[in-house]
Amino acid sequence: MEEAKKALEVVLGIITEALAKGEKVTISGFGTFSVRTRKARTAVKPGTRERIEVPARKTVAFKPSKELKERI
């Protein structure tokens, strides 16, 4: 179990480093991770109806592979 945990940590570290560089990461039969930039926008706080500016930011996106979609 410890070996599996260490292996997963290594894989996640590699994926994280690649995404930090702006690269796409594809895992065959599973899907693709990529970095997307969200535009700045104006939002409204539900409780107060106050308008606030939400700055542009980067986010991680995941697109499942066709094989994964079929299995689910």
Protein backbone atom coordinates (compact mmCIF):
# COMPACT_ATOMS: atom_id res chain seq x y z
CA MET A 1 0.00 0.00 0.00
CA GLU A 2 2.87 2.40 0.81
CA GLU A 3 4.44 1.75 -2.59
CA ALA A 4 1.19 2.61 -4.35
CA LYS A 5 0.91 5.82 -2.32
CA LYS A 6 4.47 6.84 -3.23
CA ALA A 7 3.90 6.03 -6.92
CA LEU A 8 0.71 8.11 -6.97
CA GLU A 9 2.51 11.04 -5.31
CA VAL A 10 5.24 10.90 -7.96
CA VAL A 11 2.70 10.82 -10.81
CA LEU A 12 0.70 13.70 -9.34
CA GLY A 13 3.90 15.69 -8.85
CA ILE A 14 4.84 15.22 -12.51
CA ILE A 15 1.35 16.27 -13.64
CA THR A 16 1.44 19.32 -11.37
CA GLU A 17 4.86 20.42 -12.68
CA ALA A 18 3.76 20.06 -16.30
CA LEU A 19 0.56 22.06 -15.69
CA ALA A 20 2.56 24.78 -13.92
CA LYS A 21 4.60 25.11 -17.14
CA GLY A 22 1.38 25.42 -19.15
CA GLU A 23 1.70 22.00 -20.77
CA LYS A 24 -1.10 19.52 -21.44
CA VAL A 25 -0.94 16.12 -19.78
CA THR A 26 -2.61 13.17 -21.50
CA ILE A 27 -3.10 9.81 -19.84
CA SER A 28 -4.18 7.25 -22.46
CA GLY A 29 -7.55 5.73 -21.73
CA PHE A 30 -8.20 8.23 -18.94
CA GLY A 31 -8.17 11.81 -20.21
CA THR A 32 -6.34 15.10 -20.63
CA PHE A 33 -5.49 17.76 -18.06
CA SER A 34 -4.85 21.31 -19.30
CA VAL A 35 -4.59 24.87 -18.02
CA ARG A 36 -7.23 27.37 -19.11
CA THR A 37 -7.41 31.10 -18.52
CA ARG A 38 -10.70 32.50 -17.28
CA LYS A 39 -11.48 36.08 -18.28
CA ALA A 40 -12.02 38.85 -15.75
CA ARG A 41 -15.70 39.44 -15.10
CA THR A 42 -18.23 41.26 -12.96
CA ALA A 43 -20.17 39.10 -10.49
CA VAL A 44 -22.98 39.80 -8.04
CA LYS A 45 -22.94 38.74 -4.39
CA PRO A 46 -26.24 36.92 -3.82
CA GLY A 47 -26.88 38.25 -0.28
CA THR A 48 -26.15 41.92 -0.85
CA ARG A 49 -26.56 42.26 -4.64
CA GLU A 50 -23.22 44.09 -4.56
CA ARG A 51 -21.27 43.98 -7.83
CA ILE A 52 -17.69 42.78 -7.51
CA GLU A 53 -14.88 42.44 -10.01
CA VAL A 54 -13.48 38.94 -10.35
CA PRO A 55 -9.95 39.05 -11.80
CA ALA A 56 -8.72 36.81 -14.62
CA ARG A 57 -7.16 33.59 -13.41
CA LYS A 58 -5.83 30.25 -14.52
CA THR A 59 -7.67 27.03 -13.75
CA VAL A 60 -7.15 23.33 -14.42
CA ALA A 61 -9.51 21.58 -16.83
CA PHE A 62 -10.00 17.85 -17.32
CA LYS A 63 -11.43 16.25 -20.44
CA PRO A 64 -12.19 12.54 -20.05
CA SER A 65 -11.16 10.17 -22.85
CA LYS A 66 -13.73 8.46 -25.04
CA GLU A 67 -12.86 5.15 -23.37
CA LEU A 68 -13.50 6.55 -19.88
CA LYS A 69 -16.82 8.06 -20.98
CA GLU A 70 -17.93 4.73 -22.40
CA ARG A 71 -17.05 2.87 -19.21
CA ILE A 72 -19.03 5.29 -17.08
